[in-house]
Amino acid sequence: MTNSPKDGRAGIDADLVRRLIAQQFPQWAGLPVAPVPVEGWDNRTYRLGDELTARLPTHPAYVAAVDKEHRWLPFLAPSLPVPIPEAVATGEPGEGYPHPWAIRRWIDGDTASHERVTDLPEFARSVAEFILALQSCDATGGPIAGAHSFHRGAPPSFYHDETVAALAALKGRLDTDGAREVWEAALASSWDGPPTWFHGDIASGNLLVQDGRLSAVIDFGTSGVGDPACDLVIAYTFFDGESRAVFRDTVGQDAGTWARARGWALWKALIVLAAGNDTEVNEQVIAEVLADHRTHG
């Protein structure tokens, strides 16, 4: 089988996956291996036949997700309104690859986009209902927010120095005084409830659609228990107008949680913009966050 042009990122390619499968899971050694067309940055993902995937972390920072997801995905799945990845097996380092890795069940669907979603307000309602269902799962013994979640679920103050540096770098390019006000409002609030399950990266790339509707939620690598504010960021990165209003009304959450959500959205947009990436997209996110702060803050 011919490897794709992307094959080989982080030293991982289809040949390596075939060797790992043959060595550790010989029952699947005859299945074809091919890179998925769309994948995130934290892992390289390969189709393994028609029903399975192999998912390999690209860096030590992403390794904690392997055991975390294998432990908790089966626990969460029965309580959620749409499918999430099904943990099948975990692999060990081998063939020169230094990390543990995962085999999951393949989930059909396309990543969400405004073109693929047929009714954006209804989609916003479905995403909000997923978040609420996740928050309702028993958090006893769950993975407390920290390095494994890249501090999603913890106070956004962990990224204060990054945010201040980005604001300084972007002075004169955007309303940094307004942005600083949003950030300070986020830091002034705190999560006073019990630790709650959060996904950590509710973004269009992790939301699958079929027939225009939400059909699955994937990539729980940054999940954990703590403050769920980080899961509201999609209000500013994907929804607007009526769909944002539906999302806000359905998901609820108090004013402080929304203040921290704006802080999370602002932090990410600022650091990406300061690095010179995705300028138009992140300028729009910052504008949406500042406008929402003026309306609801």
Protein backbone atom coordinates (compact mmCIF):
# COMPACT_ATOMS: atom_id res chain seq x y z
CA MET A 1 0.00 0.00 0.00
CA THR A 2 1.32 3.44 -0.91
CA ASN A 3 1.92 5.79 1.99
CA SER A 4 0.26 9.21 1.92
CA PRO A 5 2.32 12.41 1.53
CA LYS A 6 1.74 13.14 5.24
CA ASP A 7 3.00 9.75 6.30
CA GLY A 8 6.09 9.89 8.50
CA ARG A 9 5.22 12.87 10.73
CA ALA A 10 6.96 12.57 14.11
CA GLY A 11 8.79 9.51 12.82
CA ILE A 12 5.55 7.52 12.57
CA ASP A 13 4.53 5.88 9.30
CA ALA A 14 2.33 3.08 8.05
CA ASP A 15 5.23 0.63 7.93
CA LEU A 16 5.93 1.21 11.63
CA VAL A 17 2.26 0.63 12.45
CA ARG A 18 2.25 -2.62 10.46
CA ARG A 19 5.32 -3.85 12.35
CA LEU A 20 3.83 -2.94 15.73
CA ILE A 21 0.58 -4.69 14.87
CA ALA A 22 2.39 -7.81 13.65
CA GLN A 23 4.54 -7.90 16.79
CA GLN A 24 1.89 -7.17 19.42
CA PHE A 25 -1.50 -8.00 17.85
CA PRO A 26 -0.89 -10.76 15.31
CA GLN A 27 -4.63 -11.40 15.05
CA TRP A 28 -4.87 -8.12 13.09
CA ALA A 29 -1.61 -8.42 11.14
CA GLY A 30 -3.40 -9.06 7.85
CA LEU A 31 -5.50 -5.90 7.98
CA PRO A 32 -4.59 -2.99 5.67
CA VAL A 33 -3.06 0.09 7.33
CA ALA A 34 -3.59 3.60 5.97
CA PRO A 35 -3.35 7.15 7.43
CA VAL A 36 -6.68 8.84 8.08
CA PRO A 37 -7.35 11.84 5.80
CA VAL A 38 -7.89 14.27 8.71
CA GLU A 39 -6.17 14.02 12.07
CA GLY A 40 -5.10 16.19 14.98
CA TRP A 41 -1.57 17.11 16.00
CA ASP A 42 -1.20 15.17 19.25
CA ASN A 43 -1.45 11.75 17.63
CA ARG A 44 -0.98 10.01 14.31
CA THR A 45 -4.04 7.94 13.48
CA TYR A 46 -4.23 5.05 11.02
CA ARG A 47 -7.14 3.01 9.76
CA LEU A 48 -6.66 -0.64 10.60
CA GLY A 49 -9.01 -2.48 8.29
CA ASP A 50 -12.60 -1.22 8.20
CA GLU A 51 -13.41 -1.33 11.90
CA LEU A 52 -10.31 -0.30 13.87
CA THR A 53 -7.78 2.51 14.19
CA ALA A 54 -4.26 2.68 15.60
CA ARG A 55 -3.51 5.93 17.42
CA LEU A 56 0.10 6.81 18.28
CA PRO A 57 1.19 9.84 20.35
CA THR A 58 3.64 12.13 18.56
CA HIS A 59 5.38 13.42 21.72
CA PRO A 60 5.86 12.37 25.36
CA ALA A 61 3.48 15.14 26.45
CA TYR A 62 0.58 13.26 24.85
CA VAL A 63 1.35 9.83 26.27
CA ALA A 64 -0.75 10.21 29.44
CA ALA A 65 -3.89 10.23 27.30
CA VAL A 66 -3.41 6.59 26.23
CA ASP A 67 -4.06 4.97 29.61
CA LYS A 68 -6.45 7.72 30.70
CA GLU A 69 -8.73 7.21 27.72
CA HIS A 70 -8.46 3.41 27.92
CA ARG A 71 -9.58 3.58 31.56
CA TRP A 72 -12.33 6.18 31.31
CA LEU A 73 -13.90 6.03 27.85
CA PRO A 74 -15.82 2.82 28.67
CA PHE A 75 -17.02 4.43 31.91
CA LEU A 76 -18.30 7.60 30.22
CA ALA A 77 -19.81 6.13 27.06
CA PRO A 78 -23.08 4.74 28.49
CA SER A 79 -24.07 8.14 29.90
CA LEU A 80 -23.48 10.17 26.75
CA PRO A 81 -26.04 10.92 24.01
CA VAL A 82 -23.77 10.17 21.04
CA PRO A 83 -20.92 7.69 20.54
CA ILE A 84 -17.38 8.39 21.72
CA PRO A 85 -14.24 6.40 20.87
CA GLU A 86 -14.32 2.79 22.02
CA ALA A 87 -11.12 1.58 23.63
CA VAL A 88 -10.13 -1.82 22.20
CA ALA A 89 -6.52 -2.38 23.30
CA THR A 90 -3.30 -0.60 24.22
CA GLY A 91 0.07 -1.30 22.66
CA GLU A 92 3.55 -1.05 24.12
CA PRO A 93 6.71 0.67 22.87
CA GLY A 94 8.44 -1.33 20.18
CA GLU A 95 10.07 -1.33 16.75
CA GLY A 96 11.91 1.86 17.68
CA TYR A 97 8.72 3.66 18.70
CA PRO A 98 9.12 4.82 22.35
CA HIS A 99 5.54 5.29 23.61
CA PRO A 100 2.44 3.30 24.52
CA TRP A 101 -0.30 3.58 21.91
CA ALA A 102 -3.95 2.70 21.41
CA ILE A 103 -6.29 0.70 19.23
CA ARG A 104 -9.81 2.08 18.97
CA ARG A 105 -13.01 1.26 17.15
CA TRP A 106 -13.48 3.31 13.96
CA ILE A 107 -16.37 5.81 14.05
CA ASP A 108 -17.92 6.91 10.77
CA GLY A 109 -18.61 10.61 10.21
CA ASP A 110 -17.10 13.85 8.96
CA THR A 111 -15.62 16.59 11.12
CA ALA A 112 -18.08 19.40 11.71
CA SER A 113 -18.09 22.48 9.50
CA HIS A 114 -20.67 25.13 8.76
CA GLU A 115 -21.13 23.54 5.34
CA ARG A 116 -21.77 20.05 6.75
CA VAL A 117 -24.14 21.07 9.54
CA THR A 118 -27.67 21.45 8.20
CA ASP A 119 -29.18 23.32 11.19
CA LEU A 120 -26.59 25.22 13.19
CA PRO A 121 -28.84 26.20 16.14
CA GLU A 122 -29.99 22.58 16.50
CA PHE A 123 -26.37 21.44 16.28
CA ALA A 124 -25.51 23.95 19.02
CA ARG A 125 -28.26 22.44 21.16
CA SER A 126 -26.88 18.93 20.61
CA VAL A 127 -23.34 19.99 21.57
CA ALA A 128 -24.65 21.69 24.71
CA GLU A 129 -26.63 18.59 25.64
CA PHE A 130 -23.51 16.48 25.22
CA ILE A 131 -21.58 18.80 27.54
CA LEU A 132 -24.33 18.64 30.16
CA ALA A 133 -24.45 14.84 29.94
CA LEU A 134 -20.68 14.70 30.38
CA GLN A 135 -20.90 17.01 33.39
CA SER A 136 -23.49 14.71 34.94
CA CYS A 137 -21.13 11.70 34.91
CA ASP A 138 -19.80 10.64 38.29
CA ALA A 139 -16.41 12.32 38.75
CA THR A 140 -15.34 10.16 41.70
CA GLY A 141 -11.75 9.06 41.20
CA GLY A 142 -11.53 10.78 37.83
CA PRO A 143 -8.31 12.34 36.52
CA ILE A 144 -7.96 15.72 38.23
CA ALA A 145 -7.06 18.54 35.82
CA GLY A 146 -3.34 19.06 35.42
CA ALA A 147 -0.49 18.44 33.01
CA HIS A 148 -2.30 15.50 31.37
CA SER A 149 -5.13 17.87 30.35
CA PHE A 150 -2.74 20.70 29.49
CA HIS A 151 -4.37 22.41 32.47
CA ARG A 152 -7.80 22.53 30.90
CA GLY A 153 -10.16 22.20 33.83
CA ALA A 154 -7.76 24.14 36.07
CA PRO A 155 -7.83 27.94 36.52
CA PRO A 156 -6.79 29.78 33.35
CA SER A 157 -4.23 31.64 35.48
CA PHE A 158 -1.76 28.85 34.62
CA TYR A 159 -1.39 30.63 31.26
CA HIS A 160 -1.20 34.16 32.66
CA ASP A 161 2.41 34.82 31.64
CA GLU A 162 1.74 33.61 28.08
CA THR A 163 -1.33 35.80 27.84
CA VAL A 164 0.43 38.92 29.13
CA ALA A 165 3.30 38.38 26.70
CA ALA A 166 0.88 37.97 23.79
CA LEU A 167 -0.98 41.14 24.77
CA ALA A 168 2.31 43.05 24.80
CA ALA A 169 3.27 41.65 21.39
CA LEU A 170 -0.12 42.57 19.88
CA LYS A 171 -0.40 46.08 21.30
CA GLY A 172 -1.54 48.40 18.53
CA ARG A 173 -2.96 45.56 16.43
CA LEU A 174 -6.13 45.01 18.45
CA ASP A 175 -7.99 46.30 21.51
CA THR A 176 -5.51 45.03 24.04
CA ASP A 177 -7.08 47.11 26.84
CA GLY A 178 -10.41 45.38 26.25
CA ALA A 179 -8.70 42.01 26.00
CA ARG A 180 -6.86 42.60 29.26
CA GLU A 181 -10.22 43.40 30.91
CA VAL A 182 -11.62 40.09 29.67
CA TRP A 183 -8.58 38.24 30.97
CA GLU A 184 -8.73 39.91 34.37
CA ALA A 185 -12.43 39.03 34.65
CA ALA A 186 -11.54 35.40 33.94
CA LEU A 187 -8.87 35.42 36.64
CA ALA A 188 -11.23 37.05 39.15
CA SER A 189 -13.70 34.17 38.96
CA SER A 190 -13.29 30.63 40.22
CA TRP A 191 -15.01 27.26 40.05
CA ASP A 192 -16.66 26.69 43.42
CA GLY A 193 -18.50 23.48 42.58
CA PRO A 194 -17.26 19.91 42.89
CA PRO A 195 -14.89 18.57 40.23
CA THR A 196 -16.88 17.97 37.05
CA TRP A 197 -16.07 16.00 33.92
CA PHE A 198 -14.89 18.10 30.98
CA HIS A 199 -13.77 17.11 27.48
CA GLY A 200 -11.09 19.79 27.21
CA ASP A 201 -11.24 20.31 23.45
CA ILE A 202 -14.83 20.71 22.29
CA ALA A 203 -13.93 21.98 18.82
CA SER A 204 -15.24 21.38 15.32
CA GLY A 205 -12.44 18.93 14.53
CA ASN A 206 -13.53 16.68 17.40
CA LEU A 207 -17.24 16.77 16.56
CA LEU A 208 -18.40 14.31 13.91
CA VAL A 209 -21.53 14.77 11.82
CA GLN A 210 -23.67 12.49 9.71
CA ASP A 211 -26.65 13.75 7.72
CA GLY A 212 -25.87 17.21 9.06
CA ARG A 213 -26.29 16.26 12.73
CA LEU A 214 -23.92 15.61 15.61
CA SER A 215 -23.11 11.90 15.44
CA ALA A 216 -20.04 11.44 17.70
CA VAL A 217 -17.49 13.26 19.84
CA ILE A 218 -13.87 12.14 19.61
CA ASP A 219 -10.41 12.82 21.14
CA PHE A 220 -10.70 12.82 24.92
CA GLY A 221 -6.95 13.29 25.32
CA THR A 222 -7.36 16.53 27.29
CA SER A 223 -10.35 15.33 29.31
CA GLY A 224 -10.50 15.19 33.08
CA VAL A 225 -12.40 16.44 36.09
CA GLY A 226 -12.32 20.01 37.32
CA ASP A 227 -13.75 23.29 36.04
CA PRO A 228 -15.92 22.78 32.92
CA ALA A 229 -15.46 26.35 31.63
CA CYS A 230 -13.01 25.25 28.93
CA ASP A 231 -15.77 23.30 27.17
CA LEU A 232 -17.71 26.50 26.43
CA VAL A 233 -15.04 27.97 24.14
CA ILE A 234 -16.85 26.67 21.04
CA ALA A 235 -19.41 29.41 21.64
CA TYR A 236 -16.86 31.84 20.20
CA THR A 237 -14.96 29.64 17.75
CA PHE A 238 -17.84 27.97 15.91
CA PHE A 239 -21.20 29.45 16.93
CA ASP A 240 -22.54 32.97 16.53
CA GLY A 241 -25.84 34.82 16.56
CA GLU A 242 -28.78 32.45 17.02
CA SER A 243 -26.65 29.32 17.37
CA ARG A 244 -24.57 30.90 20.15
CA ALA A 245 -27.74 32.00 21.93
CA VAL A 246 -29.16 28.46 21.73
CA PHE A 247 -25.89 27.01 22.98
CA ARG A 248 -25.75 29.47 25.88
CA ASP A 249 -29.37 28.89 26.88
CA THR A 250 -29.09 25.10 26.67
CA VAL A 251 -25.75 24.63 28.39
CA GLY A 252 -26.57 27.11 31.14
CA GLN A 253 -23.60 27.78 33.48
CA ASP A 254 -23.14 30.77 35.74
CA ALA A 255 -21.61 34.13 34.87
CA GLY A 256 -18.23 33.23 36.36
CA THR A 257 -17.96 30.09 34.27
CA TRP A 258 -18.69 32.12 31.14
CA ALA A 259 -16.06 34.68 32.20
CA ARG A 260 -13.48 31.89 32.40
CA ALA A 261 -14.67 30.47 29.09
CA ARG A 262 -14.01 33.85 27.48
CA GLY A 263 -10.59 33.80 29.12
CA TRP A 264 -9.79 30.37 27.65
CA ALA A 265 -10.93 31.45 24.19
CA LEU A 266 -8.97 34.70 24.45
CA TRP A 267 -5.75 33.03 25.64
CA LYS A 268 -5.65 30.59 22.74
CA ALA A 269 -6.53 33.19 20.11
CA LEU A 270 -3.94 35.62 21.47
CA ILE A 271 -1.02 33.21 21.54
CA VAL A 272 -1.78 31.85 18.07
CA LEU A 273 -2.19 35.36 16.69
CA ALA A 274 1.01 36.55 18.37
CA ALA A 275 2.82 33.65 16.70
CA GLY A 276 1.61 34.93 13.33
CA ASN A 277 -0.81 32.09 12.59
CA ASP A 278 -4.45 32.05 11.41
CA THR A 279 -4.65 35.83 11.65
CA GLU A 280 -8.17 36.41 10.36
CA VAL A 281 -9.73 33.54 12.31
CA ASN A 282 -8.20 34.52 15.63
CA GLU A 283 -8.87 38.22 15.20
CA GLN A 284 -12.52 37.27 14.72
CA VAL A 285 -12.53 35.08 17.85
CA ILE A 286 -11.05 37.93 19.89
CA ALA A 287 -13.65 40.36 18.53
CA GLU A 288 -16.45 37.92 19.42
CA VAL A 289 -15.09 37.43 22.95
CA LEU A 290 -14.79 41.17 23.58
CA ALA A 291 -18.31 41.79 22.27
CA ASP A 292 -19.70 39.00 24.46
CA HIS A 293 -17.90 40.40 27.48
CA ARG A 294 -19.45 43.81 26.88
CA THR A 295 -22.90 42.22 26.64
CA HIS A 296 -22.74 39.60 29.39
CA GLY A 297 -19.64 40.35 31.46
